[in-house]
């Protein structure tokens, strides 16, 4: 059995994820007690998740788009 690198036990919602076009809430951003962040997106009343452990929890507001 592989050894787990980090153990996550609890998470706290730290932000809401909104659609850039409609402003509708589409998910939540969670931070685990080990510092990892995870996005939970709503999909027809079913939450889908994506772990973002290699990214900083701080947004890069200086990032140019388009």
C-alpha atoms as a PDB file:
ATOM      1  CA  UNK A   1       0.000   0.000   0.000  1.00  0.00           C
ATOM      2  CA  UNK A   2       1.503   3.397  -0.968  1.00  0.00           C
ATOM      3  CA  UNK A   3       2.400   5.810   1.801  1.00  0.00           C
ATOM      4  CA  UNK A   4       0.373   9.012   1.801  1.00  0.00           C
ATOM      5  CA  UNK A   5       2.486  12.170   1.464  1.00  0.00           C
ATOM      6  CA  UNK A   6       0.035  14.340   3.375  1.00  0.00           C
ATOM      7  CA  UNK A   7      -2.983  13.570   5.502  1.00  0.00           C
ATOM      8  CA  UNK A   8      -6.026  15.795   5.118  1.00  0.00           C
ATOM      9  CA  UNK A   9      -8.633  15.695   7.861  1.00  0.00           C
ATOM     10  CA  UNK A  10     -10.648  18.916   7.730  1.00  0.00           C
ATOM     11  CA  UNK A  11     -11.288  21.653   5.192  1.00  0.00           C
ATOM     12  CA  UNK A  12     -12.701  25.155   5.456  1.00  0.00           C
ATOM     13  CA  UNK A  13     -14.477  27.043   2.678  1.00  0.00           C
ATOM     14  CA  UNK A  14     -12.304  30.091   1.956  1.00  0.00           C
ATOM     15  CA  UNK A  15     -13.997  31.501  -1.142  1.00  0.00           C
ATOM     16  CA  UNK A  16     -16.806  31.326  -3.639  1.00  0.00           C
ATOM     17  CA  UNK A  17     -16.228  30.598  -7.322  1.00  0.00           C
ATOM     18  CA  UNK A  18     -18.400  32.681  -9.654  1.00  0.00           C
ATOM     19  CA  UNK A  19     -18.985  32.530 -13.399  1.00  0.00           C
ATOM     20  CA  UNK A  20     -17.154  35.443 -15.009  1.00  0.00           C
ATOM     21  CA  UNK A  21     -19.977  35.940 -17.548  1.00  0.00           C
ATOM     22  CA  UNK A  22     -23.106  35.577 -15.396  1.00  0.00           C
ATOM     23  CA  UNK A  23     -21.857  36.185 -11.863  1.00  0.00           C
ATOM     24  CA  UNK A  24     -23.656  32.997 -10.784  1.00  0.00           C
ATOM     25  CA  UNK A  25     -21.950  31.003  -8.012  1.00  0.00           C
ATOM     26  CA  UNK A  26     -20.572  27.819  -9.548  1.00  0.00           C
ATOM     27  CA  UNK A  27     -18.554  26.374  -6.675  1.00  0.00           C
ATOM     28  CA  UNK A  28     -16.502  26.833  -3.529  1.00  0.00           C
ATOM     29  CA  UNK A  29     -12.769  26.931  -2.794  1.00  0.00           C
ATOM     30  CA  UNK A  30     -11.644  24.947   0.236  1.00  0.00           C
ATOM     31  CA  UNK A  31      -8.379  24.955   2.167  1.00  0.00           C
ATOM     32  CA  UNK A  32      -7.386  21.773   3.964  1.00  0.00           C
ATOM     33  CA  UNK A  33      -5.640  21.732   7.325  1.00  0.00           C
ATOM     34  CA  UNK A  34      -2.388  20.734   5.575  1.00  0.00           C
ATOM     35  CA  UNK A  35      -2.448  23.892   3.395  1.00  0.00           C
ATOM     36  CA  UNK A  36      -3.679  22.301   0.157  1.00  0.00           C
ATOM     37  CA  UNK A  37      -6.532  23.971  -1.692  1.00  0.00           C
ATOM     38  CA  UNK A  38      -9.353  22.231  -3.517  1.00  0.00           C
ATOM     39  CA  UNK A  39     -12.040  23.599  -5.804  1.00  0.00           C
ATOM     40  CA  UNK A  40     -15.505  22.044  -5.587  1.00  0.00           C
ATOM     41  CA  UNK A  41     -17.588  23.000  -8.627  1.00  0.00           C
ATOM     42  CA  UNK A  42     -21.335  22.521  -8.833  1.00  0.00           C
ATOM     43  CA  UNK A  43     -22.502  20.357 -11.750  1.00  0.00           C
ATOM     44  CA  UNK A  44     -26.267  19.818 -11.893  1.00  0.00           C
ATOM     45  CA  UNK A  45     -26.536  19.556  -8.102  1.00  0.00           C
ATOM     46  CA  UNK A  46     -23.496  17.235  -7.943  1.00  0.00           C
ATOM     47  CA  UNK A  47     -20.224  18.693  -6.663  1.00  0.00           C
ATOM     48  CA  UNK A  48     -17.055  17.899  -8.614  1.00  0.00           C
ATOM     49  CA  UNK A  49     -13.633  18.574  -7.135  1.00  0.00           C
ATOM     50  CA  UNK A  50     -10.140  19.418  -8.276  1.00  0.00           C
ATOM     51  CA  UNK A  51      -7.121  19.417  -5.966  1.00  0.00           C
ATOM     52  CA  UNK A  52      -4.709  22.301  -6.498  1.00  0.00           C
ATOM     53  CA  UNK A  53      -1.844  21.390  -4.174  1.00  0.00           C
ATOM     54  CA  UNK A  54       0.900  22.736  -6.451  1.00  0.00           C
ATOM     55  CA  UNK A  55      -0.635  26.226  -6.610  1.00  0.00           C
ATOM     56  CA  UNK A  56      -0.484  28.994  -4.070  1.00  0.00           C
ATOM     57  CA  UNK A  57      -3.660  29.787  -2.158  1.00  0.00           C
ATOM     58  CA  UNK A  58      -3.003  33.457  -2.976  1.00  0.00           C
ATOM     59  CA  UNK A  59      -4.453  34.582  -6.340  1.00  0.00           C
ATOM     60  CA  UNK A  60      -2.117  36.240  -8.826  1.00  0.00           C
ATOM     61  CA  UNK A  61      -4.052  39.471  -9.366  1.00  0.00           C
ATOM     62  CA  UNK A  62      -1.307  40.835 -11.634  1.00  0.00           C
ATOM     63  CA  UNK A  63      -1.775  38.058 -14.179  1.00  0.00           C
ATOM     64  CA  UNK A  64      -2.547  39.381 -17.653  1.00  0.00           C
ATOM     65  CA  UNK A  65      -5.308  37.608 -19.556  1.00  0.00           C
ATOM     66  CA  UNK A  66      -6.143  37.362 -23.213  1.00  0.00           C
END
